[in-house]
Amino acid sequence: PVEATPAEAAPAVREEAPAKIFTKEYRWLEDMPGGEVSNIISAISLNDRILFINTLFGKDPMLFNSTIAELNSLESLDVARTYLADRFPEWDLESDVVYRIMMAIRRKLK
């Protein structure tokens, strides 16, 4: 059998990535998120904002802010999960930093 080159294999990985957010139960889906908030940003400490911007958003505060604004406008956690999986397929869904941002998101979206 002929193996695909990395360039040929990459699209398949990207196509499958959004589905992986639904394939298993992550800690951030099971743990209690804390009190409800009307805006996700109010559930994120300054230190976590810096952490998220630097590790999840490529040191781009505008991308962080626009993503949080978009998440605030969504109607459910399932829609947010799909949005994040499509937009950020490279996120390690089992990492502590993703756990922290997802717990903040869950305080707004159920």
PDB file of N, CA and C in Angstrom:
ATOM      1  N   PRO A   1       0.815  -1.202   0.000  1.00  0.00           N
ATOM      2  CA  PRO A   1       0.000   0.000   0.000  1.00  0.00           C
ATOM      3  C   PRO A   1       0.856   1.263   0.000  1.00  0.00           C
ATOM      4  N   VAL A   2       0.382   2.266  -0.671  1.00  0.00           N
ATOM      5  CA  VAL A   2       1.087   3.542  -0.759  1.00  0.00           C
ATOM      6  C   VAL A   2       0.606   4.426   0.379  1.00  0.00           C
ATOM      7  N   GLU A   3       1.557   4.982   1.136  1.00  0.00           N
ATOM      8  CA  GLU A   3       1.192   5.866   2.245  1.00  0.00           C
ATOM      9  C   GLU A   3       0.980   7.280   1.735  1.00  0.00           C
ATOM     10  N   ALA A   4       0.047   7.969   2.365  1.00  0.00           N
ATOM     11  CA  ALA A   4      -0.221   9.363   2.002  1.00  0.00           C
ATOM     12  C   ALA A   4       0.881  10.243   2.559  1.00  0.00           C
ATOM     13  N   THR A   5       1.201  11.282   1.832  1.00  0.00           N
ATOM     14  CA  THR A   5       2.165  12.245   2.352  1.00  0.00           C
ATOM     15  C   THR A   5       1.507  13.039   3.459  1.00  0.00           C
ATOM     16  N   PRO A   6       2.285  13.677   4.347  1.00  0.00           N
ATOM     17  CA  PRO A   6       1.667  14.474   5.415  1.00  0.00           C
ATOM     18  C   PRO A   6       0.691  15.517   4.894  1.00  0.00           C
ATOM     19  N   ALA A   7       0.981  16.124   3.761  1.00  0.00           N
ATOM     20  CA  ALA A   7       0.085  17.137   3.208  1.00  0.00           C
ATOM     21  C   ALA A   7      -1.251  16.517   2.808  1.00  0.00           C
ATOM     22  N   GLU A   8      -1.209  15.282   2.273  1.00  0.00           N
ATOM     23  CA  GLU A   8      -2.446  14.615   1.892  1.00  0.00           C
ATOM     24  C   GLU A   8      -3.220  14.127   3.111  1.00  0.00           C
ATOM     25  N   ALA A   9      -2.513  13.743   4.155  1.00  0.00           N
ATOM     26  CA  ALA A   9      -3.159  13.216   5.354  1.00  0.00           C
ATOM     27  C   ALA A   9      -3.781  14.316   6.201  1.00  0.00           C
ATOM     28  N   ALA A  10      -3.258  15.522   6.150  1.00  0.00           N
ATOM     29  CA  ALA A  10      -3.715  16.612   7.014  1.00  0.00           C
ATOM     30  C   ALA A  10      -5.208  16.923   6.881  1.00  0.00           C
ATOM     31  N   PRO A  11      -5.779  17.011   5.676  1.00  0.00           N
ATOM     32  CA  PRO A  11      -7.208  17.324   5.596  1.00  0.00           C
ATOM     33  C   PRO A  11      -8.089  16.300   6.318  1.00  0.00           C
ATOM     34  N   ALA A  12      -7.733  15.031   6.251  1.00  0.00           N
ATOM     35  CA  ALA A  12      -8.528  14.004   6.930  1.00  0.00           C
ATOM     36  C   ALA A  12      -8.518  14.238   8.431  1.00  0.00           C
ATOM     37  N   VAL A  13      -7.382  14.624   8.966  1.00  0.00           N
ATOM     38  CA  VAL A  13      -7.292  14.909  10.399  1.00  0.00           C
ATOM     39  C   VAL A  13      -8.185  16.092  10.737  1.00  0.00           C
ATOM     40  N   ARG A  14      -8.139  17.134   9.925  1.00  0.00           N
ATOM     41  CA  ARG A  14      -8.965  18.316  10.178  1.00  0.00           C
ATOM     42  C   ARG A  14     -10.458  17.989  10.070  1.00  0.00           C
ATOM     43  N   GLU A  15     -10.821  17.146   9.122  1.00  0.00           N
ATOM     44  CA  GLU A  15     -12.227  16.784   8.969  1.00  0.00           C
ATOM     45  C   GLU A  15     -12.722  15.993  10.171  1.00  0.00           C
ATOM     46  N   GLU A  16     -11.872  15.161  10.756  1.00  0.00           N
ATOM     47  CA  GLU A  16     -12.269  14.343  11.894  1.00  0.00           C
ATOM     48  C   GLU A  16     -12.206  15.113  13.213  1.00  0.00           C
ATOM     49  N   ALA A  17     -11.398  16.150  13.282  1.00  0.00           N
ATOM     50  CA  ALA A  17     -11.178  16.865  14.537  1.00  0.00           C
ATOM     51  C   ALA A  17     -12.460  17.374  15.185  1.00  0.00           C
ATOM     52  N   PRO A  18     -13.386  17.995  14.464  1.00  0.00           N
ATOM     53  CA  PRO A  18     -14.605  18.459  15.138  1.00  0.00           C
ATOM     54  C   PRO A  18     -15.385  17.337  15.802  1.00  0.00           C
ATOM     55  N   ALA A  19     -15.351  16.159  15.228  1.00  0.00           N
ATOM     56  CA  ALA A  19     -16.098  15.044  15.805  1.00  0.00           C
ATOM     57  C   ALA A  19     -15.495  14.590  17.130  1.00  0.00           C
ATOM     58  N   LYS A  20     -14.185  14.749  17.314  1.00  0.00           N
ATOM     59  CA  LYS A  20     -13.558  14.228  18.526  1.00  0.00           C
ATOM     60  C   LYS A  20     -14.057  14.920  19.787  1.00  0.00           C
ATOM     61  N   ILE A  21     -14.587  16.114  19.673  1.00  0.00           N
ATOM     62  CA  ILE A  21     -15.088  16.812  20.863  1.00  0.00           C
ATOM     63  C   ILE A  21     -16.348  16.118  21.404  1.00  0.00           C
ATOM     64  N   PHE A  22     -16.963  15.275  20.605  1.00  0.00           N
ATOM     65  CA  PHE A  22     -18.171  14.566  21.029  1.00  0.00           C
ATOM     66  C   PHE A  22     -17.933  13.091  21.329  1.00  0.00           C
ATOM     67  N   THR A  23     -16.736  12.583  21.064  1.00  0.00           N
ATOM     68  CA  THR A  23     -16.526  11.144  21.132  1.00  0.00           C
ATOM     69  C   THR A  23     -16.254  10.605  22.522  1.00  0.00           C
ATOM     70  N   LYS A  24     -15.927  11.426  23.463  1.00  0.00           N
ATOM     71  CA  LYS A  24     -15.693  10.927  24.810  1.00  0.00           C
ATOM     72  C   LYS A  24     -16.100  11.972  25.825  1.00  0.00           C
ATOM     73  N   GLU A  25     -16.240  11.524  27.026  1.00  0.00           N
ATOM     74  CA  GLU A  25     -16.612  12.439  28.095  1.00  0.00           C
ATOM     75  C   GLU A  25     -15.345  13.017  28.719  1.00  0.00           C
ATOM     76  N   TYR A  26     -15.216  14.300  28.663  1.00  0.00           N
ATOM     77  CA  TYR A  26     -14.078  14.994  29.245  1.00  0.00           C
ATOM     78  C   TYR A  26     -14.442  15.451  30.653  1.00  0.00           C
ATOM     79  N   ARG A  27     -13.428  15.670  31.478  1.00  0.00           N
ATOM     80  CA  ARG A  27     -13.656  16.137  32.854  1.00  0.00           C
ATOM     81  C   ARG A  27     -14.496  17.406  32.861  1.00  0.00           C
ATOM     82  N   TRP A  28     -14.277  18.284  31.898  1.00  0.00           N
ATOM     83  CA  TRP A  28     -15.002  19.553  31.885  1.00  0.00           C
ATOM     84  C   TRP A  28     -16.483  19.379  31.559  1.00  0.00           C
ATOM     85  N   LEU A  29     -16.862  18.198  31.119  1.00  0.00           N
ATOM     86  CA  LEU A  29     -18.280  17.908  30.912  1.00  0.00           C
ATOM     87  C   LEU A  29     -18.927  17.329  32.165  1.00  0.00           C
ATOM     88  N   GLU A  30     -18.130  16.717  33.000  1.00  0.00           N
ATOM     89  CA  GLU A  30     -18.647  16.019  34.174  1.00  0.00           C
ATOM     90  C   GLU A  30     -18.605  16.865  35.443  1.00  0.00           C
ATOM     91  N   ASP A  31     -17.576  17.689  35.602  1.00  0.00           N
ATOM     92  CA  ASP A  31     -17.409  18.476  36.822  1.00  0.00           C
ATOM     93  C   ASP A  31     -18.422  19.618  36.897  1.00  0.00           C
ATOM     94  N   MET A  32     -18.747  20.026  38.113  1.00  0.00           N
ATOM     95  CA  MET A  32     -19.667  21.146  38.319  1.00  0.00           C
ATOM     96  C   MET A  32     -18.927  22.460  38.023  1.00  0.00           C
ATOM     97  N   PRO A  33     -19.494  23.325  37.189  1.00  0.00           N
ATOM     98  CA  PRO A  33     -18.778  24.513  36.747  1.00  0.00           C
ATOM     99  C   PRO A  33     -18.811  25.719  37.687  1.00  0.00           C
ATOM    100  N   GLY A  34     -19.654  25.758  38.660  1.00  0.00           N
ATOM    101  CA  GLY A  34     -19.783  26.952  39.490  1.00  0.00           C
ATOM    102  C   GLY A  34     -21.062  27.688  39.136  1.00  0.00           C
ATOM    103  N   GLY A  35     -21.254  28.841  39.764  1.00  0.00           N
ATOM    104  CA  GLY A  35     -22.475  29.607  39.555  1.00  0.00           C
ATOM    105  C   GLY A  35     -22.637  30.117  38.143  1.00  0.00           C
ATOM    106  N   GLU A  36     -23.886  30.288  37.752  1.00  0.00           N
ATOM    107  CA  GLU A  36     -24.206  30.777  36.419  1.00  0.00           C
ATOM    108  C   GLU A  36     -23.768  32.225  36.253  1.00  0.00           C
ATOM    109  N   VAL A  37     -23.317  32.572  35.050  1.00  0.00           N
ATOM    110  CA  VAL A  37     -22.921  33.945  34.730  1.00  0.00           C
ATOM    111  C   VAL A  37     -23.650  34.384  33.463  1.00  0.00           C
ATOM    112  N   SER A  38     -23.801  35.682  33.288  1.00  0.00           N
ATOM    113  CA  SER A  38     -24.461  36.195  32.085  1.00  0.00           C
ATOM    114  C   SER A  38     -23.467  36.482  30.970  1.00  0.00           C
ATOM    115  N   ASN A  39     -22.176  36.531  31.314  1.00  0.00           N
ATOM    116  CA  ASN A  39     -21.124  36.779  30.333  1.00  0.00           C
ATOM    117  C   ASN A  39     -19.934  35.904  30.704  1.00  0.00           C
ATOM    118  N   ILE A  40     -19.439  35.136  29.758  1.00  0.00           N
ATOM    119  CA  ILE A  40     -18.331  34.210  30.015  1.00  0.00           C
ATOM    120  C   ILE A  40     -17.116  34.932  30.565  1.00  0.00           C
ATOM    121  N   ILE A  41     -16.854  36.125  30.097  1.00  0.00           N
ATOM    122  CA  ILE A  41     -15.653  36.847  30.529  1.00  0.00           C
ATOM    123  C   ILE A  41     -15.650  37.068  32.043  1.00  0.00           C
ATOM    124  N   SER A  42     -16.816  37.197  32.649  1.00  0.00           N
ATOM    125  CA  SER A  42     -16.881  37.399  34.095  1.00  0.00           C
ATOM    126  C   SER A  42     -16.512  36.138  34.868  1.00  0.00           C
ATOM    127  N   ALA A  43     -16.463  34.991  34.197  1.00  0.00           N
ATOM    128  CA  ALA A  43     -16.078  33.733  34.832  1.00  0.00           C
ATOM    129  C   ALA A  43     -14.593  33.429  34.642  1.00  0.00           C
ATOM    130  N   ILE A  44     -13.866  34.359  34.001  1.00  0.00           N
ATOM    131  CA  ILE A  44     -12.451  34.133  33.698  1.00  0.00           C
ATOM    132  C   ILE A  44     -11.607  35.165  34.434  1.00  0.00           C
ATOM    133  N   SER A  45     -10.716  34.688  35.292  1.00  0.00           N
ATOM    134  CA  SER A  45      -9.830  35.594  36.030  1.00  0.00           C
ATOM    135  C   SER A  45      -8.813  36.229  35.079  1.00  0.00           C
ATOM    136  N   LEU A  46      -8.201  37.307  35.516  1.00  0.00           N
ATOM    137  CA  LEU A  46      -7.183  37.970  34.698  1.00  0.00           C
ATOM    138  C   LEU A  46      -6.038  37.012  34.372  1.00  0.00           C
ATOM    139  N   ASN A  47      -5.592  36.250  35.364  1.00  0.00           N
ATOM    140  CA  ASN A  47      -4.505  35.292  35.116  1.00  0.00           C
ATOM    141  C   ASN A  47      -4.908  34.259  34.078  1.00  0.00           C
ATOM    142  N   ASP A  48      -6.155  33.770  34.155  1.00  0.00           N
ATOM    143  CA  ASP A  48      -6.615  32.799  33.162  1.00  0.00           C
ATOM    144  C   ASP A  48      -6.751  33.438  31.786  1.00  0.00           C
ATOM    145  N   ARG A  49      -7.173  34.682  31.709  1.00  0.00           N
ATOM    146  CA  ARG A  49      -7.248  35.359  30.406  1.00  0.00           C
ATOM    147  C   ARG A  49      -5.884  35.364  29.735  1.00  0.00           C
ATOM    148  N   ILE A  50      -4.862  35.713  30.511  1.00  0.00           N
ATOM    149  CA  ILE A  50      -3.500  35.741  29.969  1.00  0.00           C
ATOM    150  C   ILE A  50      -3.082  34.336  29.540  1.00  0.00           C
ATOM    151  N   LEU A  51      -3.367  33.344  30.380  1.00  0.00           N
ATOM    152  CA  LEU A  51      -3.049  31.955  30.050  1.00  0.00           C
ATOM    153  C   LEU A  51      -3.747  31.528  28.760  1.00  0.00           C
ATOM    154  N   PHE A  52      -5.041  31.806  28.655  1.00  0.00           N
ATOM    155  CA  PHE A  52      -5.806  31.405  27.472  1.00  0.00           C
ATOM    156  C   PHE A  52      -5.279  32.096  26.220  1.00  0.00           C
ATOM    157  N   ILE A  53      -5.041  33.398  26.311  1.00  0.00           N
ATOM    158  CA  ILE A  53      -4.538  34.147  25.156  1.00  0.00           C
ATOM    159  C   ILE A  53      -3.202  33.580  24.703  1.00  0.00           C
ATOM    160  N   ASN A  54      -2.314  33.310  25.649  1.00  0.00           N
ATOM    161  CA  ASN A  54      -0.971  32.837  25.299  1.00  0.00           C
ATOM    162  C   ASN A  54      -0.933  31.386  24.827  1.00  0.00           C
ATOM    163  N   THR A  55      -1.792  30.542  25.351  1.00  0.00           N
ATOM    164  CA  THR A  55      -1.696  29.120  25.004  1.00  0.00           C
ATOM    165  C   THR A  55      -2.742  28.649  23.998  1.00  0.00           C
ATOM    166  N   LEU A  56      -3.935  29.192  24.046  1.00  0.00           N
ATOM    167  CA  LEU A  56      -5.002  28.715  23.163  1.00  0.00           C
ATOM    168  C   LEU A  56      -5.242  29.610  21.955  1.00  0.00           C
ATOM    169  N   PHE A  57      -4.914  30.883  22.078  1.00  0.00           N
ATOM    170  CA  PHE A  57      -5.257  31.841  21.023  1.00  0.00           C
ATOM    171  C   PHE A  57      -4.028  32.463  20.357  1.00  0.00           C
ATOM    172  N   GLY A  58      -2.899  31.770  20.416  1.00  0.00           N
ATOM    173  CA  GLY A  58      -1.704  32.216  19.699  1.00  0.00           C
ATOM    174  C   GLY A  58      -1.238  33.605  20.053  1.00  0.00           C
ATOM    175  N   LYS A  59      -1.407  33.988  21.304  1.00  0.00           N
ATOM    176  CA  LYS A  59      -1.010  35.310  21.808  1.00  0.00           C
ATOM    177  C   LYS A  59      -1.763  36.447  21.120  1.00  0.00           C
ATOM    178  N   ASP A  60      -2.979  36.151  20.684  1.00  0.00           N
ATOM    179  CA  ASP A  60      -3.803  37.132  19.977  1.00  0.00           C
ATOM    180  C   ASP A  60      -5.018  37.502  20.837  1.00  0.00           C
ATOM    181  N   PRO A  61      -4.932  38.621  21.585  1.00  0.00           N
ATOM    182  CA  PRO A  61      -6.045  38.998  22.449  1.00  0.00           C
ATOM    183  C   PRO A  61      -7.326  39.315  21.672  1.00  0.00           C
ATOM    184  N   MET A  62      -7.202  39.785  20.454  1.00  0.00           N
ATOM    185  CA  MET A  62      -8.402  40.078  19.660  1.00  0.00           C
ATOM    186  C   MET A  62      -9.129  38.791  19.288  1.00  0.00           C
ATOM    187  N   LEU A  63      -8.380  37.739  18.986  1.00  0.00           N
ATOM    188  CA  LEU A  63      -8.991  36.444  18.693  1.00  0.00           C
ATOM    189  C   LEU A  63      -9.694  35.908  19.940  1.00  0.00           C
ATOM    190  N   PHE A  64      -9.062  36.033  21.094  1.00  0.00           N
ATOM    191  CA  PHE A  64      -9.679  35.622  22.359  1.00  0.00           C
ATOM    192  C   PHE A  64     -10.990  36.384  22.574  1.00  0.00           C
ATOM    193  N   ASN A  65     -10.951  37.707  22.459  1.00  0.00           N
ATOM    194  CA  ASN A  65     -12.138  38.529  22.697  1.00  0.00           C
ATOM    195  C   ASN A  65     -13.259  38.217  21.707  1.00  0.00           C
ATOM    196  N   SER A  66     -12.921  38.052  20.443  1.00  0.00           N
ATOM    197  CA  SER A  66     -13.956  37.761  19.447  1.00  0.00           C
ATOM    198  C   SER A  66     -14.553  36.368  19.664  1.00  0.00           C
ATOM    199  N   THR A  67     -13.725  35.429  20.091  1.00  0.00           N
ATOM    200  CA  THR A  67     -14.224  34.076  20.373  1.00  0.00           C
ATOM    201  C   THR A  67     -15.162  34.088  21.570  1.00  0.00           C
ATOM    202  N   ILE A  68     -14.784  34.790  22.638  1.00  0.00           N
ATOM    203  CA  ILE A  68     -15.651  34.876  23.817  1.00  0.00           C
ATOM    204  C   ILE A  68     -16.965  35.572  23.452  1.00  0.00           C
ATOM    205  N   ALA A  69     -16.897  36.627  22.651  1.00  0.00           N
ATOM    206  CA  ALA A  69     -18.121  37.329  22.221  1.00  0.00           C
ATOM    207  C   ALA A  69     -19.021  36.384  21.424  1.00  0.00           C
ATOM    208  N   GLU A  70     -18.428  35.611  20.538  1.00  0.00           N
ATOM    209  CA  GLU A  70     -19.215  34.652  19.750  1.00  0.00           C
ATOM    210  C   GLU A  70     -19.826  33.588  20.660  1.00  0.00           C
ATOM    211  N   LEU A  71     -19.042  33.069  21.594  1.00  0.00           N
ATOM    212  CA  LEU A  71     -19.558  32.057  22.524  1.00  0.00           C
ATOM    213  C   LEU A  71     -20.710  32.606  23.361  1.00  0.00           C
ATOM    214  N   ASN A  72     -20.607  33.860  23.782  1.00  0.00           N
ATOM    215  CA  ASN A  72     -21.681  34.483  24.557  1.00  0.00           C
ATOM    216  C   ASN A  72     -22.989  34.556  23.778  1.00  0.00           C
ATOM    217  N   SER A  73     -22.901  34.603  22.461  1.00  0.00           N
ATOM    218  CA  SER A  73     -24.109  34.717  21.639  1.00  0.00           C
ATOM    219  C   SER A  73     -24.752  33.369  21.311  1.00  0.00           C
ATOM    220  N   LEU A  74     -24.074  32.288  21.636  1.00  0.00           N
ATOM    221  CA  LEU A  74     -24.590  30.960  21.298  1.00  0.00           C
ATOM    222  C   LEU A  74     -25.643  30.511  22.300  1.00  0.00           C
ATOM    223  N   GLU A  75     -26.498  29.590  21.863  1.00  0.00           N
ATOM    224  CA  GLU A  75     -27.637  29.190  22.693  1.00  0.00           C
ATOM    225  C   GLU A  75     -27.408  27.955  23.550  1.00  0.00           C
ATOM    226  N   SER A  76     -26.363  27.172  23.251  1.00  0.00           N
ATOM    227  CA  SER A  76     -26.172  25.954  24.043  1.00  0.00           C
ATOM    228  C   SER A  76     -24.715  25.520  24.061  1.00  0.00           C
ATOM    229  N   LEU A  77     -24.397  24.671  25.001  1.00  0.00           N
ATOM    230  CA  LEU A  77     -23.046  24.118  25.105  1.00  0.00           C
ATOM    231  C   LEU A  77     -22.730  23.250  23.892  1.00  0.00           C
ATOM    232  N   ASP A  78     -23.690  22.512  23.395  1.00  0.00           N
ATOM    233  CA  ASP A  78     -23.438  21.675  22.215  1.00  0.00           C
ATOM    234  C   ASP A  78     -23.044  22.515  21.006  1.00  0.00           C
ATOM    235  N   VAL A  79     -23.713  23.640  20.811  1.00  0.00           N
ATOM    236  CA  VAL A  79     -23.369  24.534  19.702  1.00  0.00           C
ATOM    237  C   VAL A  79     -21.969  25.112  19.935  1.00  0.00           C
ATOM    238  N   ALA A  80     -21.662  25.470  21.169  1.00  0.00           N
ATOM    239  CA  ALA A  80     -20.331  26.000  21.494  1.00  0.00           C
ATOM    240  C   ALA A  80     -19.250  24.959  21.250  1.00  0.00           C
ATOM    241  N   ARG A  81     -19.517  23.718  21.602  1.00  0.00           N
ATOM    242  CA  ARG A  81     -18.546  22.643  21.383  1.00  0.00           C
ATOM    243  C   ARG A  81     -18.250  22.480  19.903  1.00  0.00           C
ATOM    244  N   THR A  82     -19.279  22.516  19.076  1.00  0.00           N
ATOM    245  CA  THR A  82     -19.086  22.398  17.634  1.00  0.00           C
ATOM    246  C   THR A  82     -18.308  23.593  17.101  1.00  0.00           C
ATOM    247  N   TYR A  83     -18.681  24.781  17.541  1.00  0.00           N
ATOM    248  CA  TYR A  83     -17.988  26.007  17.126  1.00  0.00           C
ATOM    249  C   TYR A  83     -16.493  25.921  17.461  1.00  0.00           C
ATOM    250  N   LEU A  84     -16.173  25.540  18.691  1.00  0.00           N
ATOM    251  CA  LEU A  84     -14.772  25.461  19.114  1.00  0.00           C
ATOM    252  C   LEU A  84     -14.013  24.360  18.381  1.00  0.00           C
ATOM    253  N   ALA A  85     -14.654  23.227  18.163  1.00  0.00           N
ATOM    254  CA  ALA A  85     -14.001  22.122  17.449  1.00  0.00           C
ATOM    255  C   ALA A  85     -13.679  22.515  16.008  1.00  0.00           C
ATOM    256  N   ASP A  86     -14.586  23.247  15.380  1.00  0.00           N
ATOM    257  CA  ASP A  86     -14.360  23.702  14.006  1.00  0.00           C
ATOM    258  C   ASP A  86     -13.281  24.775  13.945  1.00  0.00           C
ATOM    259  N   ARG A  87     -13.303  25.675  14.903  1.00  0.00           N
ATOM    260  CA  ARG A  87     -12.401  26.830  14.884  1.00  0.00           C
ATOM    261  C   ARG A  87     -11.017  26.518  15.435  1.00  0.00           C
ATOM    262  N   PHE A  88     -10.937  25.604  16.423  1.00  0.00           N
ATOM    263  CA  PHE A  88      -9.665  25.319  17.085  1.00  0.00           C
ATOM    264  C   PHE A  88      -9.419  23.809  17.193  1.00  0.00           C
ATOM    265  N   PRO A  89      -9.300  23.124  16.064  1.00  0.00           N
ATOM    266  CA  PRO A  89      -9.129  21.669  16.101  1.00  0.00           C
ATOM    267  C   PRO A  89      -7.821  21.231  16.756  1.00  0.00           C
ATOM    268  N   GLU A  90      -6.880  22.143  16.895  1.00  0.00           N
ATOM    269  CA  GLU A  90      -5.580  21.803  17.482  1.00  0.00           C
ATOM    270  C   GLU A  90      -5.597  21.771  19.009  1.00  0.00           C
ATOM    271  N   TRP A  91      -6.651  22.238  19.645  1.00  0.00           N
ATOM    272  CA  TRP A  91      -6.708  22.243  21.106  1.00  0.00           C
ATOM    273  C   TRP A  91      -6.651  20.824  21.653  1.00  0.00           C
ATOM    274  N   ASP A  92      -5.873  20.637  22.696  1.00  0.00           N
ATOM    275  CA  ASP A  92      -5.801  19.363  23.411  1.00  0.00           C
ATOM    276  C   ASP A  92      -6.950  19.355  24.414  1.00  0.00           C
ATOM    277  N   LEU A  93      -8.001  18.640  24.098  1.00  0.00           N
ATOM    278  CA  LEU A  93      -9.228  18.679  24.886  1.00  0.00           C
ATOM    279  C   LEU A  93      -9.086  18.066  26.277  1.00  0.00           C
ATOM    280  N   GLU A  94      -7.967  17.423  26.527  1.00  0.00           N
ATOM    281  CA  GLU A  94      -7.725  16.846  27.848  1.00  0.00           C
ATOM    282  C   GLU A  94      -6.750  17.680  28.679  1.00  0.00           C
ATOM    283  N   SER A  95      -6.308  18.814  28.139  1.00  0.00           N
ATOM    284  CA  SER A  95      -5.338  19.648  28.850  1.00  0.00           C
ATOM    285  C   SER A  95      -6.018  20.472  29.947  1.00  0.00           C
ATOM    286  N   ASP A  96      -5.223  20.880  30.919  1.00  0.00           N
ATOM    287  CA  ASP A  96      -5.742  21.692  32.015  1.00  0.00           C
ATOM    288  C   ASP A  96      -6.259  23.039  31.522  1.00  0.00           C
ATOM    289  N   VAL A  97      -5.585  23.626  30.561  1.00  0.00           N
ATOM    290  CA  VAL A  97      -5.998  24.947  30.084  1.00  0.00           C
ATOM    291  C   VAL A  97      -7.343  24.875  29.349  1.00  0.00           C
ATOM    292  N   VAL A  98      -7.571  23.832  28.569  1.00  0.00           N
ATOM    293  CA  VAL A  98      -8.876  23.674  27.916  1.00  0.00           C
ATOM    294  C   VAL A  98      -9.941  23.379  28.970  1.00  0.00           C
ATOM    295  N   TYR A  99      -9.592  22.585  29.964  1.00  0.00           N
ATOM    296  CA  TYR A  99     -10.526  22.324  31.071  1.00  0.00           C
ATOM    297  C   TYR A  99     -10.976  23.645  31.689  1.00  0.00           C
ATOM    298  N   ARG A 100     -10.033  24.538  31.943  1.00  0.00           N
ATOM    299  CA  ARG A 100     -10.351  25.800  32.609  1.00  0.00           C
ATOM    300  C   ARG A 100     -11.252  26.685  31.759  1.00  0.00           C
ATOM    301  N   ILE A 101     -10.973  26.779  30.470  1.00  0.00           N
ATOM    302  CA  ILE A 101     -11.823  27.634  29.638  1.00  0.00           C
ATOM    303  C   ILE A 101     -13.204  26.998  29.446  1.00  0.00           C
ATOM    304  N   MET A 102     -13.256  25.691  29.332  1.00  0.00           N
ATOM    305  CA  MET A 102     -14.552  25.040  29.160  1.00  0.00           C
ATOM    306  C   MET A 102     -15.406  25.142  30.405  1.00  0.00           C
ATOM    307  N   MET A 103     -14.796  25.119  31.570  1.00  0.00           N
ATOM    308  CA  MET A 103     -15.567  25.294  32.801  1.00  0.00           C
ATOM    309  C   MET A 103     -16.155  26.710  32.863  1.00  0.00           C
ATOM    310  N   ALA A 104     -15.414  27.701  32.389  1.00  0.00           N
ATOM    311  CA  ALA A 104     -15.930  29.069  32.326  1.00  0.00           C
ATOM    312  C   ALA A 104     -17.091  29.158  31.332  1.00  0.00           C
ATOM    313  N   ILE A 105     -16.927  28.516  30.176  1.00  0.00           N
ATOM    314  CA  ILE A 105     -17.972  28.518  29.160  1.00  0.00           C
ATOM    315  C   ILE A 105     -19.235  27.837  29.697  1.00  0.00           C
ATOM    316  N   ARG A 106     -19.064  26.748  30.430  1.00  0.00           N
ATOM    317  CA  ARG A 106     -20.216  26.024  30.995  1.00  0.00           C
ATOM    318  C   ARG A 106     -20.980  26.860  32.024  1.00  0.00           C
ATOM    319  N   ARG A 107     -20.324  27.836  32.616  1.00  0.00           N
ATOM    320  CA  ARG A 107     -21.045  28.690  33.575  1.00  0.00           C
ATOM    321  C   ARG A 107     -22.078  29.556  32.852  1.00  0.00           C
ATOM    322  N   LYS A 108     -21.901  29.791  31.570  1.00  0.00           N
ATOM    323  CA  LYS A 108     -22.848  30.572  30.773  1.00  0.00           C
ATOM    324  C   LYS A 108     -23.787  29.663  29.980  1.00  0.00           C
ATOM    325  N   LEU A 109     -23.234  28.642  29.361  1.00  0.00           N
ATOM    326  CA  LEU A 109     -24.011  27.785  28.467  1.00  0.00           C
ATOM    327  C   LEU A 109     -24.271  26.426  29.099  1.00  0.00           C
ATOM    328  N   LYS A 110     -25.474  25.974  29.005  1.00  0.00           N
ATOM    329  CA  LYS A 110     -25.852  24.668  29.568  1.00  0.00           C
ATOM    330  C   LYS A 110     -26.080  23.670  28.468  1.00  0.00           C
TER     331      LYS A 110
END
